Amino acid sequence: MQAQQPTTQREGSALKVLLVDDEKEICFLLHTMLERSGAKCRSAYSLAGAQEALGLDRYDVVFLDINLPDGLGYSLIPTIRRILPEARVIAISALDHEKDRAVERGADLFVSKPFNRGAILGALEQLGVNK
């Protein structure tokens, strides 16, 4: 018997995820991991792109890189909270020392780069959004 893989599928509707990272490879990797688990994803590569994407759809989860070409990802958290009060924010960074700062500035969780599928799906499970 095979172990069942965690899923991001929600009660009949797909989890909607916004991926914000200036590294297109990171967005592609997250997109692939999450869509294979049933999520619907949109990518943005800057703060400006993320703000535009926030106006296009409602998201359940935002993966938010800390260091973006046009500023710090932290600056987007108040906008996310205002527009999408129920959304969960997962900060991502290769800089482990950003963890405390990310949570202090409103992120629900922090995931270090590099990450794997287990870490990403585990973060969603920890936040209770993969059910």
C-alpha atoms as a PDB file:
ATOM      1  CA  MET A   1       0.000   0.000   0.000  1.00  0.00           C
ATOM      2  CA  GLN A   2       1.366   3.407  -0.990  1.00  0.00           C
ATOM      3  CA  ALA A   3       1.431   6.285   1.469  1.00  0.00           C
ATOM      4  CA  GLN A   4      -1.132   8.933   0.596  1.00  0.00           C
ATOM      5  CA  GLN A   5       0.392  12.232  -0.514  1.00  0.00           C
ATOM      6  CA  PRO A   6      -0.776  15.399   1.215  1.00  0.00           C
ATOM      7  CA  THR A   7      -3.088  17.453  -0.944  1.00  0.00           C
ATOM      8  CA  THR A   8      -3.849  21.136  -1.203  1.00  0.00           C
ATOM      9  CA  GLN A   9      -7.361  20.468  -2.498  1.00  0.00           C
ATOM     10  CA  ARG A  10     -10.087  22.252  -0.542  1.00  0.00           C
ATOM     11  CA  GLU A  11     -13.702  21.186  -0.154  1.00  0.00           C
ATOM     12  CA  GLY A  12     -14.529  20.955  -3.845  1.00  0.00           C
ATOM     13  CA  SER A  13     -12.562  24.019  -4.889  1.00  0.00           C
ATOM     14  CA  ALA A  14      -8.892  24.360  -5.602  1.00  0.00           C
ATOM     15  CA  LEU A  15      -6.636  26.252  -3.245  1.00  0.00           C
ATOM     16  CA  LYS A  16      -5.670  29.555  -4.915  1.00  0.00           C
ATOM     17  CA  VAL A  17      -2.059  30.551  -4.416  1.00  0.00           C
ATOM     18  CA  LEU A  18      -0.119  33.684  -5.335  1.00  0.00           C
ATOM     19  CA  LEU A  19       3.623  33.098  -5.743  1.00  0.00           C
ATOM     20  CA  VAL A  20       5.771  36.210  -5.370  1.00  0.00           C
ATOM     21  CA  ASP A  21       9.481  35.754  -6.095  1.00  0.00           C
ATOM     22  CA  ASP A  22      11.854  37.503  -8.487  1.00  0.00           C
ATOM     23  CA  GLU A  23      13.494  34.174  -9.301  1.00  0.00           C
ATOM     24  CA  LYS A  24      11.305  32.723 -12.031  1.00  0.00           C
ATOM     25  CA  GLU A  25      12.754  29.266 -11.353  1.00  0.00           C
ATOM     26  CA  ILE A  26      11.472  29.413  -7.760  1.00  0.00           C
ATOM     27  CA  CYS A  27       7.993  30.387  -8.967  1.00  0.00           C
ATOM     28  CA  PHE A  28       8.073  27.598 -11.546  1.00  0.00           C
ATOM     29  CA  LEU A  29       9.150  25.060  -8.909  1.00  0.00           C
ATOM     30  CA  LEU A  30       6.438  26.150  -6.454  1.00  0.00           C
ATOM     31  CA  HIS A  31       3.861  26.298  -9.236  1.00  0.00           C
ATOM     32  CA  THR A  32       4.688  22.736 -10.301  1.00  0.00           C
ATOM     33  CA  MET A  33       4.660  21.368  -6.734  1.00  0.00           C
ATOM     34  CA  LEU A  34       1.381  23.018  -5.826  1.00  0.00           C
ATOM     35  CA  GLU A  35      -0.513  22.375  -9.045  1.00  0.00           C
ATOM     36  CA  ARG A  36       0.364  18.686  -8.822  1.00  0.00           C
ATOM     37  CA  SER A  37      -1.408  18.783  -5.469  1.00  0.00           C
ATOM     38  CA  GLY A  38      -4.516  20.405  -6.917  1.00  0.00           C
ATOM     39  CA  ALA A  39      -3.834  24.114  -6.290  1.00  0.00           C
ATOM     40  CA  LYS A  40      -4.306  26.893  -8.824  1.00  0.00           C
ATOM     41  CA  CYS A  41      -1.336  29.281  -8.930  1.00  0.00           C
ATOM     42  CA  ARG A  42      -0.439  32.688 -10.301  1.00  0.00           C
ATOM     43  CA  SER A  43       3.115  34.070 -10.241  1.00  0.00           C
ATOM     44  CA  ALA A  44       4.400  37.607  -9.776  1.00  0.00           C
ATOM     45  CA  TYR A  45       8.064  38.579  -9.938  1.00  0.00           C
ATOM     46  CA  SER A  46       8.028  41.932  -8.116  1.00  0.00           C
ATOM     47  CA  LEU A  47       6.039  43.947  -5.582  1.00  0.00           C
ATOM     48  CA  ALA A  48       4.352  45.813  -8.428  1.00  0.00           C
ATOM     49  CA  GLY A  49       3.433  42.550 -10.121  1.00  0.00           C
ATOM     50  CA  ALA A  50       2.103  41.152  -6.845  1.00  0.00           C
ATOM     51  CA  GLN A  51      -0.053  44.220  -6.265  1.00  0.00           C
ATOM     52  CA  GLU A  52      -1.473  43.833  -9.764  1.00  0.00           C
ATOM     53  CA  ALA A  53      -2.152  40.123  -9.152  1.00  0.00           C
ATOM     54  CA  LEU A  54      -3.926  40.918  -5.869  1.00  0.00           C
ATOM     55  CA  GLY A  55      -6.420  42.937  -7.891  1.00  0.00           C
ATOM     56  CA  LEU A  56      -7.100  40.077 -10.310  1.00  0.00           C
ATOM     57  CA  ASP A  57      -8.218  37.279  -7.999  1.00  0.00           C
ATOM     58  CA  ARG A  58      -8.760  36.166  -4.410  1.00  0.00           C
ATOM     59  CA  TYR A  59      -6.035  33.962  -2.964  1.00  0.00           C
ATOM     60  CA  ASP A  60      -6.015  31.576  -0.037  1.00  0.00           C
ATOM     61  CA  VAL A  61      -2.227  31.632   0.344  1.00  0.00           C
ATOM     62  CA  VAL A  62       0.552  33.991  -0.686  1.00  0.00           C
ATOM     63  CA  PHE A  63       4.139  32.724  -0.855  1.00  0.00           C
ATOM     64  CA  LEU A  64       6.136  35.930  -0.476  1.00  0.00           C
ATOM     65  CA  ASP A  65       9.862  36.300  -1.070  1.00  0.00           C
ATOM     66  CA  ILE A  66      11.494  38.830   1.237  1.00  0.00           C
ATOM     67  CA  ASN A  67      13.995  40.397  -1.161  1.00  0.00           C
ATOM     68  CA  LEU A  68      12.393  41.611  -4.379  1.00  0.00           C
ATOM     69  CA  PRO A  69      13.856  43.921  -7.032  1.00  0.00           C
ATOM     70  CA  ASP A  70      11.506  46.790  -6.150  1.00  0.00           C
ATOM     71  CA  GLY A  71      11.531  46.454  -2.350  1.00  0.00           C
ATOM     72  CA  LEU A  72      11.033  44.147   0.587  1.00  0.00           C
ATOM     73  CA  GLY A  73       8.227  41.630   0.532  1.00  0.00           C
ATOM     74  CA  TYR A  74       7.280  42.695   4.071  1.00  0.00           C
ATOM     75  CA  SER A  75       5.871  45.915   2.688  1.00  0.00           C
ATOM     76  CA  LEU A  76       3.158  43.947   0.874  1.00  0.00           C
ATOM     77  CA  ILE A  77       1.816  42.170   3.976  1.00  0.00           C
ATOM     78  CA  PRO A  78      -0.463  45.049   5.138  1.00  0.00           C
ATOM     79  CA  THR A  79      -1.986  45.221   1.642  1.00  0.00           C
ATOM     80  CA  ILE A  80      -2.568  41.468   1.610  1.00  0.00           C
ATOM     81  CA  ARG A  81      -4.205  41.649   5.057  1.00  0.00           C
ATOM     82  CA  ARG A  82      -6.462  44.517   3.950  1.00  0.00           C
ATOM     83  CA  ILE A  83      -7.527  42.978   0.627  1.00  0.00           C
ATOM     84  CA  LEU A  84      -7.530  39.314   1.674  1.00  0.00           C
ATOM     85  CA  PRO A  85      -8.008  39.152   5.461  1.00  0.00           C
ATOM     86  CA  GLU A  86      -8.424  35.359   5.399  1.00  0.00           C
ATOM     87  CA  ALA A  87      -5.325  34.686   3.270  1.00  0.00           C
ATOM     88  CA  ARG A  88      -2.289  33.070   4.831  1.00  0.00           C
ATOM     89  CA  VAL A  89       1.154  34.530   4.108  1.00  0.00           C
ATOM     90  CA  ILE A  90       4.199  32.276   3.925  1.00  0.00           C
ATOM     91  CA  ALA A  91       7.443  34.230   3.741  1.00  0.00           C
ATOM     92  CA  ILE A  92      10.280  32.556   1.853  1.00  0.00           C
ATOM     93  CA  SER A  93      13.952  33.479   1.876  1.00  0.00           C
ATOM     94  CA  ALA A  94      17.403  31.975   1.627  1.00  0.00           C
ATOM     95  CA  LEU A  95      18.344  34.126   4.629  1.00  0.00           C
ATOM     96  CA  ASP A  96      17.391  32.162   7.751  1.00  0.00           C
ATOM     97  CA  HIS A  97      17.895  35.231   9.941  1.00  0.00           C
ATOM     98  CA  GLU A  98      14.804  36.735   8.247  1.00  0.00           C
ATOM     99  CA  LYS A  99      12.520  34.223  10.004  1.00  0.00           C
ATOM    100  CA  ASP A 100      11.793  36.255  13.156  1.00  0.00           C
ATOM    101  CA  ARG A 101      11.465  39.499  11.228  1.00  0.00           C
ATOM    102  CA  ALA A 102       9.025  37.885   8.784  1.00  0.00           C
ATOM    103  CA  VAL A 103       6.740  36.732  11.577  1.00  0.00           C
ATOM    104  CA  GLU A 104       7.049  40.066  13.425  1.00  0.00           C
ATOM    105  CA  ARG A 105       5.946  41.858  10.259  1.00  0.00           C
ATOM    106  CA  GLY A 106       2.863  39.731   9.782  1.00  0.00           C
ATOM    107  CA  ALA A 107       3.795  36.545   7.954  1.00  0.00           C
ATOM    108  CA  ASP A 108       2.014  33.455   9.248  1.00  0.00           C
ATOM    109  CA  LEU A 109       4.988  31.201   8.586  1.00  0.00           C
ATOM    110  CA  PHE A 110       8.520  31.196   7.197  1.00  0.00           C
ATOM    111  CA  VAL A 111      10.070  28.633   4.853  1.00  0.00           C
ATOM    112  CA  SER A 112      13.788  28.650   4.132  1.00  0.00           C
ATOM    113  CA  LYS A 113      15.233  28.293   0.655  1.00  0.00           C
ATOM    114  CA  PRO A 114      16.184  25.856  -0.644  1.00  0.00           C
ATOM    115  CA  PHE A 115      13.010  23.916   0.106  1.00  0.00           C
ATOM    116  CA  ASN A 116      11.448  20.693  -1.094  1.00  0.00           C
ATOM    117  CA  ARG A 117       7.896  19.569  -1.759  1.00  0.00           C
ATOM    118  CA  GLY A 118       7.586  18.164   1.758  1.00  0.00           C
ATOM    119  CA  ALA A 119       8.501  21.506   3.325  1.00  0.00           C
ATOM    120  CA  ILE A 120       5.990  23.382   1.155  1.00  0.00           C
ATOM    121  CA  LEU A 121       3.119  20.957   1.690  1.00  0.00           C
ATOM    122  CA  GLY A 122       4.054  20.722   5.375  1.00  0.00           C
ATOM    123  CA  ALA A 123       3.786  24.513   5.691  1.00  0.00           C
ATOM    124  CA  LEU A 124       0.312  24.429   4.147  1.00  0.00           C
ATOM    125  CA  GLU A 125      -0.672  21.625   6.486  1.00  0.00           C
ATOM    126  CA  GLN A 126       0.691  23.521   9.491  1.00  0.00           C
ATOM    127  CA  LEU A 127      -1.489  26.490   8.517  1.00  0.00           C
ATOM    128  CA  GLY A 128      -4.487  24.242   7.971  1.00  0.00           C
ATOM    129  CA  VAL A 129      -5.026  25.249   4.364  1.00  0.00           C
ATOM    130  CA  ASN A 130      -4.380  21.903   2.681  1.00  0.00           C
ATOM    131  CA  LYS A 131      -7.600  20.274   3.755  1.00  0.00           C
END
